[in-house]
């Protein structure tokens, strides 16, 4: 592999990584198990108050 090709390859790889960081994340933010349990407990108590 010649020098010019190697340089271009490195620059393309850097650009690809930069674009990947800037793109929107499709993965939702992580919520811990304890927080999920707290949220479900809050939502069930809210529904009990509205129905009762």
C-alpha atoms as a PDB file:
ATOM      1  CA  UNK A   1       0.000   0.000   0.000  1.00  0.00           C
ATOM      2  CA  UNK A   2       1.506   3.313  -0.974  1.00  0.00           C
ATOM      3  CA  UNK A   3       1.810   6.354   1.250  1.00  0.00           C
ATOM      4  CA  UNK A   4      -0.898   8.414  -0.375  1.00  0.00           C
ATOM      5  CA  UNK A   5      -3.478   5.631  -0.194  1.00  0.00           C
ATOM      6  CA  UNK A   6      -2.674   4.957   3.459  1.00  0.00           C
ATOM      7  CA  UNK A   7      -3.088   8.642   4.332  1.00  0.00           C
ATOM      8  CA  UNK A   8      -6.427   8.856   2.573  1.00  0.00           C
ATOM      9  CA  UNK A   9      -7.586   5.668   4.279  1.00  0.00           C
ATOM     10  CA  UNK A  10      -6.736   7.087   7.726  1.00  0.00           C
ATOM     11  CA  UNK A  11      -8.523  10.376   7.019  1.00  0.00           C
ATOM     12  CA  UNK A  12     -11.627   8.567   5.769  1.00  0.00           C
ATOM     13  CA  UNK A  13     -11.696   6.423   8.913  1.00  0.00           C
ATOM     14  CA  UNK A  14     -11.463   9.514  11.129  1.00  0.00           C
ATOM     15  CA  UNK A  15     -14.267  11.225   9.214  1.00  0.00           C
ATOM     16  CA  UNK A  16     -16.450   8.134   9.519  1.00  0.00           C
ATOM     17  CA  UNK A  17     -15.946   8.010  13.299  1.00  0.00           C
ATOM     18  CA  UNK A  18     -16.698  11.731  13.640  1.00  0.00           C
ATOM     19  CA  UNK A  19     -19.929  11.380  11.655  1.00  0.00           C
ATOM     20  CA  UNK A  20     -20.954   8.403  13.760  1.00  0.00           C
ATOM     21  CA  UNK A  21     -20.545  10.452  16.928  1.00  0.00           C
ATOM     22  CA  UNK A  22     -22.561  13.346  15.533  1.00  0.00           C
ATOM     23  CA  UNK A  23     -25.421  11.208  14.259  1.00  0.00           C
ATOM     24  CA  UNK A  24     -28.477  10.843  16.444  1.00  0.00           C
ATOM     25  CA  UNK A  25     -28.523   7.902  18.748  1.00  0.00           C
ATOM     26  CA  UNK A  26     -31.205   5.341  17.998  1.00  0.00           C
ATOM     27  CA  UNK A  27     -30.636   3.573  21.299  1.00  0.00           C
ATOM     28  CA  UNK A  28     -32.696   4.843  24.251  1.00  0.00           C
ATOM     29  CA  UNK A  29     -30.906   6.070  27.370  1.00  0.00           C
ATOM     30  CA  UNK A  30     -30.263   3.342  29.955  1.00  0.00           C
ATOM     31  CA  UNK A  31     -32.606   3.272  32.959  1.00  0.00           C
ATOM     32  CA  UNK A  32     -31.509   1.172  35.902  1.00  0.00           C
ATOM     33  CA  UNK A  33     -33.653  -1.629  37.263  1.00  0.00           C
ATOM     34  CA  UNK A  34     -34.329   0.261  40.508  1.00  0.00           C
ATOM     35  CA  UNK A  35     -35.438   3.366  38.611  1.00  0.00           C
ATOM     36  CA  UNK A  36     -37.732   1.282  36.407  1.00  0.00           C
ATOM     37  CA  UNK A  37     -39.305  -0.283  39.487  1.00  0.00           C
ATOM     38  CA  UNK A  38     -39.787   3.154  41.031  1.00  0.00           C
ATOM     39  CA  UNK A  39     -41.427   4.461  37.860  1.00  0.00           C
ATOM     40  CA  UNK A  40     -43.824   1.529  37.649  1.00  0.00           C
ATOM     41  CA  UNK A  41     -44.701   1.904  41.336  1.00  0.00           C
ATOM     42  CA  UNK A  42     -45.408   5.603  40.828  1.00  0.00           C
ATOM     43  CA  UNK A  43     -47.537   4.977  37.756  1.00  0.00           C
ATOM     44  CA  UNK A  44     -49.599   2.251  39.453  1.00  0.00           C
ATOM     45  CA  UNK A  45     -50.228   4.438  42.501  1.00  0.00           C
ATOM     46  CA  UNK A  46     -51.322   7.274  40.207  1.00  0.00           C
ATOM     47  CA  UNK A  47     -53.823   5.045  38.441  1.00  0.00           C
ATOM     48  CA  UNK A  48     -55.165   3.789  41.786  1.00  0.00           C
ATOM     49  CA  UNK A  49     -55.814   7.356  42.911  1.00  0.00           C
ATOM     50  CA  UNK A  50     -57.631   8.304  39.727  1.00  0.00           C
ATOM     51  CA  UNK A  51     -59.852   5.217  39.652  1.00  0.00           C
ATOM     52  CA  UNK A  52     -60.572   5.080  43.386  1.00  0.00           C
END
